[in-house]
Amino acid sequence: MIALSEKQVQFIHDDLLRNGIEMEDLRLSLVDHICCVIEEEMTDKDQFEDFYARIIPRFYHRNLEEIQEETKLVLTFKNYYAMKNVMIRSGAFTAICFTTGILFKLMHWPGAAALQLASIAVFSFLFLPILFLFKTREVDLRSQKLTIGIATIFCFLFGLSTLFKLMHWPYANILWLSCLGILLFVFLPLFFFSGIRNAETKVNTIISSILILVAGGMLFALTALRNSKWSDETQSLSNERVLATVAFAGELTTSDSTLKETLLTNKCNAVCAQIDALKKALIQSLPKEHRGLSEAKICRIYGSDADQSDIVLFTHAQQPVQALIAIKKGLNEISILAKEAKVDAEKLFNTQDGYRFNDKTGPIEPWEKLNFMHTSFSVVIQNLNMLKLQIRLVELSVGK
């Protein structure tokens, strides 16, 4: 075992100071630890400086200064490593859950909304705050910290707007436009002018700014597209006309003195009541704040949502619920009763099973799936209202 001289110990001390170890307590601890290693492993044949150069890389990955940086973080955050572990795990959870949720949504499997809700909540309220704390500790300039803060706010608002959109909560569009405004008019100018001043980051800043501008412009273009909104509006107006026609036909059947209490009228009333009960079940499955709205307003809010109606009308095995099967059975019974009165209602209801997309190479799907499965909420409501209208028309035709 070799004992180091005071000159050699001072050499180690001065070298650590030159390499960025400015904290005295840390520097003295490192000197003591390095001296112990050298005295334990160095032989008489080794030159001190050469041996020191060989063993010093054991203490760092990139440079000695990172030891001081990690020490500061540990002193600042007593739970630094626990927080870092939570950040990594929450980020992985977000990526896996959101990707799985998208797959479930595309395949119309149950649980898609829950997966996306969980991933966005974890991303916005756990991953982003911890990431912000770590990133601000890595930079010294105030402008860089401000840029990181604005980027975090943008990501937070982006996650919230997506969450509000998926849950059909109000102010989703306001949040979405706000985060786009922050990205294009606050973050981008700050990022560009702070990065372009540095010669080392100038090119990367220009390229990144172009990519951010193009991506933000594309997102804004998607927001500005109005075809979907016009389509939803047309669908809503069409459904309102069907509702008004159903109400008018219902008034005719109740006021027409020629219609007697026959088996057909009783069956028509019973099936219409089943349809109303199914529509009520659809509305009751919505968030509480939307249940008291009119049917027309609900269709405007949930117009293109296909998952909500699938949850109520079909089981986890993608089989129609008994209420929908009972309506089909009732329509067939009405057709039989109407046929006895020489009224052909079978073609009107068309409850026959068939091929989806008119693809005769595929399996034959039941009537319930053809008319209601993977169908937007407003179209489901309109189909149910159309059935009521057809029932009343058949009732009037038989009565005449």
Protein backbone atom coordinates (compact mmCIF):
# COMPACT_ATOMS: atom_id res chain seq x y z
CA MET A 1 0.00 0.00 0.00
CA ILE A 2 1.43 3.38 -1.05
CA ALA A 3 1.00 6.59 0.94
CA LEU A 4 0.49 9.76 -1.12
CA SER A 5 2.50 12.88 -0.41
CA GLU A 6 0.95 16.25 0.39
CA LYS A 7 2.05 17.48 -3.05
CA GLN A 8 0.19 14.63 -4.77
CA VAL A 9 -2.92 15.25 -2.66
CA GLN A 10 -2.76 18.94 -3.58
CA PHE A 11 -2.45 17.95 -7.25
CA ILE A 12 -5.70 15.98 -6.99
CA HIS A 13 -7.37 18.88 -5.18
CA ASP A 14 -6.30 21.42 -7.82
CA ASP A 15 -7.35 19.13 -10.70
CA LEU A 16 -10.85 18.70 -9.28
CA LEU A 17 -11.14 22.47 -8.89
CA ARG A 18 -10.02 23.03 -12.50
CA ASN A 19 -12.65 20.53 -13.70
CA GLY A 20 -15.60 22.32 -12.11
CA ILE A 21 -15.86 20.89 -8.58
CA GLU A 22 -16.40 24.22 -6.81
CA MET A 23 -18.26 22.99 -3.72
CA GLU A 24 -15.58 22.68 -1.05
CA ASP A 25 -17.19 19.91 0.98
CA LEU A 26 -17.79 17.85 -2.12
CA ARG A 27 -14.25 18.50 -3.38
CA LEU A 28 -12.66 17.41 -0.10
CA SER A 29 -14.80 14.26 0.01
CA LEU A 30 -13.78 13.39 -3.55
CA VAL A 31 -10.11 14.01 -2.78
CA ASP A 32 -10.31 11.68 0.20
CA HIS A 33 -12.09 8.99 -1.81
CA ILE A 34 -9.70 9.22 -4.79
CA CYS A 35 -6.67 9.11 -2.48
CA CYS A 36 -7.97 5.93 -0.87
CA VAL A 37 -8.42 4.27 -4.27
CA ILE A 38 -4.93 5.31 -5.45
CA GLU A 39 -3.23 4.20 -2.25
CA GLU A 40 -5.05 0.87 -2.41
CA GLU A 41 -4.42 0.04 -6.10
CA MET A 42 -1.25 1.87 -7.22
CA THR A 43 2.01 -0.10 -7.20
CA ASP A 44 5.63 1.00 -7.05
CA LYS A 45 5.95 0.58 -10.80
CA ASP A 46 3.10 3.07 -11.58
CA GLN A 47 3.66 6.75 -12.19
CA PHE A 48 1.31 8.84 -10.05
CA GLU A 49 -0.04 11.19 -12.76
CA ASP A 50 -0.51 8.39 -15.30
CA PHE A 51 -2.27 6.20 -12.74
CA TYR A 52 -4.47 9.13 -11.66
CA ALA A 53 -5.44 9.76 -15.30
CA ARG A 54 -6.45 6.10 -15.63
CA ILE A 55 -8.63 5.85 -12.54
CA ILE A 56 -10.35 9.28 -12.53
CA PRO A 57 -12.84 8.32 -15.34
CA ARG A 58 -14.39 5.84 -12.91
CA PHE A 59 -16.04 8.72 -11.10
CA TYR A 60 -18.08 10.21 -13.97
CA HIS A 61 -19.82 9.45 -17.29
CA ARG A 62 -19.13 12.66 -19.24
CA ASN A 63 -17.04 14.94 -17.00
CA LEU A 64 -16.31 15.64 -13.34
CA GLU A 65 -18.64 18.62 -13.24
CA GLU A 66 -21.69 16.36 -13.52
CA ILE A 67 -20.90 15.08 -9.99
CA GLN A 68 -21.44 18.60 -8.66
CA GLU A 69 -24.63 19.04 -10.70
CA GLU A 70 -26.12 15.83 -9.35
CA THR A 71 -25.09 16.76 -5.83
CA LYS A 72 -26.88 20.10 -6.14
CA LEU A 73 -29.99 18.33 -7.40
CA VAL A 74 -29.86 15.86 -4.53
CA LEU A 75 -29.48 18.70 -2.03
CA THR A 76 -32.29 20.66 -3.66
CA PHE A 77 -34.61 17.69 -4.17
CA LYS A 78 -34.30 15.17 -1.40
CA ASN A 79 -36.47 12.84 -3.44
CA TYR A 80 -34.67 13.53 -6.73
CA TYR A 81 -34.28 9.93 -7.86
CA ALA A 82 -37.80 9.01 -6.77
CA MET A 83 -39.18 11.94 -8.78
CA LYS A 84 -37.07 10.98 -11.78
CA ASN A 85 -38.38 7.43 -11.57
CA VAL A 86 -41.97 8.69 -11.32
CA MET A 87 -41.43 10.92 -14.36
CA ILE A 88 -40.11 8.05 -16.48
CA ARG A 89 -42.87 5.69 -15.38
CA SER A 90 -45.63 8.27 -15.92
CA GLY A 91 -44.25 9.10 -19.38
CA ALA A 92 -44.19 5.41 -20.35
CA PHE A 93 -47.70 4.96 -18.93
CA THR A 94 -48.96 7.93 -20.96
CA ALA A 95 -47.44 6.67 -24.21
CA ILE A 96 -48.68 3.09 -23.78
CA CYS A 97 -52.19 4.01 -22.59
CA PHE A 98 -52.76 6.68 -25.23
CA THR A 99 -51.54 4.44 -28.06
CA THR A 100 -53.66 1.56 -26.78
CA GLY A 101 -56.64 3.90 -26.41
CA ILE A 102 -56.32 5.02 -30.04
CA LEU A 103 -56.20 1.37 -31.14
CA PHE A 104 -59.29 0.57 -29.05
CA LYS A 105 -61.10 3.58 -30.52
CA LEU A 106 -60.26 2.58 -34.10
CA MET A 107 -61.43 -0.99 -33.42
CA HIS A 108 -64.49 0.25 -31.47
CA TRP A 109 -63.52 -1.83 -28.44
CA PRO A 110 -64.81 -0.86 -24.99
CA GLY A 111 -62.49 1.05 -22.68
CA ALA A 112 -61.01 3.42 -25.28
CA ALA A 113 -62.28 6.57 -23.56
CA ALA A 114 -61.05 5.41 -20.13
CA LEU A 115 -57.54 4.69 -21.47
CA GLN A 116 -57.29 8.05 -23.20
CA LEU A 117 -58.68 9.89 -20.17
CA ALA A 118 -56.16 8.22 -17.83
CA SER A 119 -53.19 8.87 -20.15
CA ILE A 120 -54.02 12.56 -20.66
CA ALA A 121 -54.62 13.11 -16.93
CA VAL A 122 -51.29 11.49 -15.96
CA PHE A 123 -49.46 13.40 -18.72
CA SER A 124 -50.92 16.81 -17.77
CA PHE A 125 -50.89 16.61 -13.98
CA LEU A 126 -47.89 14.36 -13.23
CA PHE A 127 -45.41 14.01 -16.10
CA LEU A 128 -45.34 17.66 -17.26
CA PRO A 129 -44.82 19.32 -13.83
CA ILE A 130 -41.94 16.99 -12.94
CA LEU A 131 -40.37 17.42 -16.39
CA PHE A 132 -40.60 21.21 -15.98
CA LEU A 133 -38.74 21.06 -12.64
CA PHE A 134 -35.92 18.98 -14.08
CA LYS A 135 -35.53 20.99 -17.29
CA THR A 136 -35.40 24.37 -15.53
CA ARG A 137 -32.58 23.04 -13.34
CA GLU A 138 -30.52 22.20 -16.41
CA VAL A 139 -30.37 25.78 -17.72
CA ASP A 140 -29.12 29.01 -16.19
CA LEU A 141 -30.42 31.77 -18.46
CA ARG A 142 -33.77 33.29 -17.54
CA SER A 143 -34.88 33.33 -21.19
CA GLN A 144 -34.28 29.58 -21.45
CA LYS A 145 -36.30 28.92 -18.29
CA LEU A 146 -39.09 31.12 -19.63
CA THR A 147 -39.10 29.19 -22.92
CA ILE A 148 -39.37 25.89 -21.04
CA GLY A 149 -42.20 27.29 -18.91
CA ILE A 150 -44.20 28.45 -21.93
CA ALA A 151 -43.64 25.11 -23.67
CA THR A 152 -44.95 23.36 -20.55
CA ILE A 153 -48.03 25.59 -20.47
CA PHE A 154 -48.68 24.82 -24.14
CA CYS A 155 -48.41 21.06 -23.57
CA PHE A 156 -50.65 21.33 -20.49
CA LEU A 157 -53.35 23.25 -22.39
CA PHE A 158 -53.01 20.89 -25.33
CA GLY A 159 -53.63 17.89 -23.05
CA LEU A 160 -56.57 19.61 -21.34
CA SER A 161 -58.19 20.64 -24.64
CA THR A 162 -57.90 17.05 -25.91
CA LEU A 163 -59.39 15.78 -22.64
CA PHE A 164 -62.26 18.28 -22.81
CA LYS A 165 -62.91 17.32 -26.43
CA LEU A 166 -63.01 13.59 -25.67
CA MET A 167 -65.31 14.12 -22.68
CA HIS A 168 -67.52 16.61 -24.57
CA TRP A 169 -67.03 19.22 -21.86
CA PRO A 170 -67.62 22.93 -22.64
CA TYR A 171 -64.79 25.33 -23.61
CA ALA A 172 -62.78 22.62 -25.41
CA ASN A 173 -62.45 24.78 -28.54
CA ILE A 174 -61.41 27.83 -26.47
CA LEU A 175 -58.65 25.81 -24.80
CA TRP A 176 -57.54 24.42 -28.16
CA LEU A 177 -57.31 27.86 -29.80
CA SER A 178 -55.57 29.26 -26.71
CA CYS A 179 -52.80 26.65 -26.81
CA LEU A 180 -52.35 27.22 -30.55
CA GLY A 181 -52.05 30.95 -29.92
CA ILE A 182 -49.43 30.36 -27.22
CA LEU A 183 -47.48 28.05 -29.54
CA LEU A 184 -47.45 30.37 -32.57
CA PHE A 185 -47.39 33.86 -31.03
CA VAL A 186 -45.58 33.40 -27.69
CA PHE A 187 -43.39 30.28 -27.65
CA LEU A 188 -42.20 30.41 -31.27
CA PRO A 189 -40.94 34.05 -31.25
CA LEU A 190 -39.25 33.58 -27.87
CA PHE A 191 -37.63 30.31 -28.95
CA PHE A 192 -36.51 31.76 -32.29
CA PHE A 193 -34.95 35.02 -31.05
CA SER A 194 -33.27 33.45 -28.01
CA GLY A 195 -31.76 30.59 -30.05
CA ILE A 196 -30.68 32.51 -33.13
CA ARG A 197 -28.30 34.71 -31.12
CA ASN A 198 -26.09 31.73 -30.34
CA ALA A 199 -23.92 30.68 -33.29
CA GLU A 200 -23.87 27.05 -32.13
CA THR A 201 -27.67 26.74 -32.04
CA LYS A 202 -28.54 29.12 -34.89
CA VAL A 203 -29.12 26.50 -37.61
CA ASN A 204 -31.00 24.12 -35.33
CA THR A 205 -33.15 27.00 -34.09
CA ILE A 206 -34.13 28.03 -37.63
CA ILE A 207 -34.97 24.46 -38.65
CA SER A 208 -36.92 23.79 -35.45
CA SER A 209 -38.82 27.07 -35.83
CA ILE A 210 -39.83 26.16 -39.38
CA LEU A 211 -41.05 22.74 -38.22
CA ILE A 212 -43.01 24.27 -35.32
CA LEU A 213 -44.56 26.88 -37.61
CA VAL A 214 -45.59 24.28 -40.20
CA ALA A 215 -46.97 21.89 -37.55
CA GLY A 216 -48.86 24.71 -35.81
CA GLY A 217 -50.23 25.93 -39.14
CA MET A 218 -51.43 22.43 -40.00
CA LEU A 219 -53.14 22.10 -36.63
CA PHE A 220 -54.81 25.48 -37.14
CA ALA A 221 -55.89 24.45 -40.65
CA LEU A 222 -57.54 21.34 -39.20
CA THR A 223 -59.31 23.55 -36.66
CA ALA A 224 -60.49 25.89 -39.38
CA LEU A 225 -61.99 23.13 -41.55
CA ARG A 226 -65.77 23.60 -41.58
CA ASN A 227 -67.03 20.61 -43.59
CA SER A 228 -67.46 18.51 -40.46
CA LYS A 229 -69.30 21.32 -38.65
CA TRP A 230 -71.60 21.90 -41.61
CA SER A 231 -72.26 18.17 -41.84
CA ASP A 232 -73.16 18.02 -38.14
CA GLU A 233 -75.41 21.04 -38.52
CA THR A 234 -77.21 19.48 -41.50
CA GLN A 235 -77.58 16.22 -39.57
CA SER A 236 -79.02 18.09 -36.58
CA LEU A 237 -81.53 19.99 -38.70
CA SER A 238 -82.54 16.76 -40.44
CA ASN A 239 -83.10 15.07 -37.08
CA GLU A 240 -85.17 18.01 -35.86
CA ARG A 241 -87.41 17.67 -38.93
CA VAL A 242 -87.81 13.95 -38.25
CA LEU A 243 -88.75 14.72 -34.63
CA ALA A 244 -91.34 17.24 -35.75
CA THR A 245 -92.76 14.74 -38.29
CA VAL A 246 -92.95 12.00 -35.65
CA ALA A 247 -94.83 14.32 -33.29
CA PHE A 248 -97.22 15.33 -36.09
CA ALA A 249 -97.86 11.69 -37.06
CA GLY A 250 -98.45 10.82 -33.40
CA GLU A 251 -101.06 13.55 -33.12
CA LEU A 252 -102.81 12.23 -36.24
CA THR A 253 -103.02 8.70 -34.86
CA THR A 254 -104.43 9.83 -31.52
CA SER A 255 -106.99 12.22 -33.06
CA ASP A 256 -108.14 9.96 -35.92
CA SER A 257 -111.54 8.53 -34.97
CA THR A 258 -111.22 5.73 -37.53
CA LEU A 259 -108.36 4.16 -35.56
CA LYS A 260 -109.77 1.73 -33.04
CA GLU A 261 -108.16 -0.09 -30.15
CA THR A 262 -106.95 -2.97 -32.26
CA LEU A 263 -104.09 -5.37 -31.77
CA LEU A 264 -102.10 -3.41 -34.35
CA THR A 265 -102.52 -0.02 -32.63
CA ASN A 266 -101.60 -1.52 -29.28
CA LYS A 267 -98.51 -3.13 -30.77
CA CYS A 268 -97.54 0.15 -32.48
CA ASN A 269 -97.88 2.04 -29.22
CA ALA A 270 -95.87 -0.62 -27.39
CA VAL A 271 -92.97 -0.55 -29.88
CA CYS A 272 -92.94 3.27 -29.89
CA ALA A 273 -92.73 3.15 -26.10
CA GLN A 274 -89.78 0.73 -26.37
CA ILE A 275 -88.03 3.12 -28.75
CA ASP A 276 -88.61 6.03 -26.36
CA ALA A 277 -87.21 3.96 -23.47
CA LEU A 278 -84.11 3.12 -25.49
CA LYS A 279 -83.57 6.77 -26.39
CA LYS A 280 -83.96 7.65 -22.71
CA ALA A 281 -81.31 5.04 -21.82
CA LEU A 282 -78.97 6.61 -24.38
CA ILE A 283 -79.48 10.06 -22.86
CA GLN A 284 -79.09 8.77 -19.28
CA SER A 285 -75.69 7.32 -20.20
CA LEU A 286 -74.38 10.83 -20.89
CA PRO A 287 -72.72 13.09 -18.28
CA LYS A 288 -75.20 14.55 -15.81
CA GLU A 289 -74.86 18.11 -17.13
CA HIS A 290 -76.15 17.05 -20.57
CA ARG A 291 -79.07 14.82 -19.56
CA GLY A 292 -81.52 17.69 -19.10
CA LEU A 293 -80.90 19.17 -22.55
CA SER A 294 -83.30 18.75 -25.43
CA GLU A 295 -82.77 15.86 -27.82
CA ALA A 296 -81.80 18.26 -30.60
CA LYS A 297 -79.11 19.94 -28.46
CA ILE A 298 -77.74 16.58 -27.31
CA CYS A 299 -77.40 15.47 -30.93
CA ARG A 300 -75.47 18.66 -31.69
CA ILE A 301 -73.02 17.94 -28.85
CA TYR A 302 -72.56 14.20 -29.46
CA GLY A 303 -73.23 14.25 -33.20
CA SER A 304 -70.22 12.28 -34.48
CA ASP A 305 -69.53 10.21 -31.33
CA ALA A 306 -69.99 6.51 -32.17
CA ASP A 307 -68.61 5.08 -28.93
CA GLN A 308 -71.37 6.45 -26.68
CA SER A 309 -74.18 4.70 -28.55
CA ASP A 310 -72.20 1.44 -28.83
CA ILE A 311 -71.81 1.32 -25.04
CA VAL A 312 -75.59 1.38 -24.54
CA LEU A 313 -76.81 -0.61 -27.54
CA PHE A 314 -74.26 -3.44 -27.58
CA THR A 315 -72.59 -5.71 -25.03
CA HIS A 316 -68.84 -6.13 -24.53
CA ALA A 317 -69.07 -9.09 -26.91
CA GLN A 318 -70.53 -6.67 -29.53
CA GLN A 319 -73.95 -8.31 -29.39
CA PRO A 320 -77.15 -6.20 -29.44
CA VAL A 321 -78.84 -5.62 -26.09
CA GLN A 322 -82.26 -7.14 -25.41
CA ALA A 323 -84.02 -3.78 -25.81
CA LEU A 324 -82.82 -3.48 -29.40
CA ILE A 325 -83.70 -7.12 -30.14
CA ALA A 326 -87.20 -6.52 -28.70
CA ILE A 327 -87.72 -3.52 -31.02
CA LYS A 328 -86.80 -5.64 -34.04
CA LYS A 329 -89.20 -8.35 -32.88
CA GLY A 330 -91.95 -5.75 -32.42
CA LEU A 331 -91.39 -4.36 -35.93
CA ASN A 332 -91.73 -7.86 -37.39
CA GLU A 333 -94.98 -8.37 -35.47
CA ILE A 334 -96.33 -5.04 -36.77
CA SER A 335 -95.43 -6.14 -40.31
CA ILE A 336 -97.41 -9.38 -39.87
CA LEU A 337 -100.46 -7.55 -38.47
CA ALA A 338 -100.29 -4.91 -41.21
CA LYS A 339 -100.05 -7.61 -43.89
CA GLU A 340 -103.37 -8.99 -42.72
CA ALA A 341 -104.82 -5.56 -43.53
CA LYS A 342 -103.12 -5.64 -46.94
CA VAL A 343 -100.47 -3.07 -46.02
CA ASP A 344 -96.89 -4.04 -46.87
CA ALA A 345 -94.83 -2.73 -43.95
CA GLU A 346 -92.04 -5.27 -44.31
CA LYS A 347 -90.27 -3.29 -47.02
CA LEU A 348 -90.68 -0.10 -45.03
CA PHE A 349 -89.06 -1.47 -41.87
CA ASN A 350 -86.58 -3.75 -43.69
CA THR A 351 -85.50 -5.70 -40.63
CA GLN A 352 -83.72 -8.36 -42.67
CA ASP A 353 -80.12 -9.26 -41.89
CA GLY A 354 -77.59 -8.45 -44.60
CA TYR A 355 -74.03 -7.73 -45.65
CA ARG A 356 -72.19 -4.71 -44.30
CA PHE A 357 -70.95 -2.34 -47.02
CA ASN A 358 -72.78 -4.60 -49.51
CA ASP A 359 -69.78 -6.93 -49.31
CA LYS A 360 -71.21 -10.36 -50.11
CA THR A 361 -67.89 -12.03 -49.37
CA GLY A 362 -68.16 -11.05 -45.71
CA PRO A 363 -70.41 -12.44 -42.97
CA ILE A 364 -74.12 -11.69 -42.78
CA GLU A 365 -74.70 -9.13 -40.03
CA PRO A 366 -77.93 -8.81 -38.01
CA TRP A 367 -80.24 -5.85 -38.60
CA GLU A 368 -79.25 -4.32 -35.27
CA LYS A 369 -75.57 -4.10 -36.21
CA LEU A 370 -76.26 -2.84 -39.73
CA ASN A 371 -78.34 0.08 -38.47
CA PHE A 372 -76.84 0.98 -35.11
CA MET A 373 -73.33 -0.42 -34.55
CA HIS A 374 -70.32 1.95 -34.95
CA THR A 375 -72.79 4.66 -35.93
CA SER A 376 -72.65 8.30 -34.84
CA PHE A 377 -74.89 9.29 -31.94
CA SER A 378 -77.06 11.66 -34.00
CA VAL A 379 -77.64 9.02 -36.71
CA VAL A 380 -78.65 6.45 -34.07
CA ILE A 381 -81.19 8.88 -32.63
CA GLN A 382 -82.42 9.72 -36.13
CA ASN A 383 -82.79 6.03 -37.02
CA LEU A 384 -84.86 5.44 -33.89
CA ASN A 385 -87.04 8.47 -34.66
CA MET A 386 -87.42 7.30 -38.24
CA LEU A 387 -88.68 3.93 -36.98
CA LYS A 388 -91.32 5.71 -34.88
CA LEU A 389 -92.38 7.72 -37.93
CA GLN A 390 -92.64 4.57 -40.04
CA ILE A 391 -94.69 2.84 -37.35
CA ARG A 392 -97.15 5.74 -37.24
CA LEU A 393 -97.41 5.79 -41.04
CA VAL A 394 -98.24 2.07 -41.06
CA GLU A 395 -100.81 2.62 -38.31
CA LEU A 396 -102.47 5.41 -40.31
CA SER A 397 -102.43 3.35 -43.50
CA VAL A 398 -104.18 0.41 -41.82
CA GLY A 399 -106.70 2.76 -40.18
CA LYS A 400 -107.69 4.23 -43.52
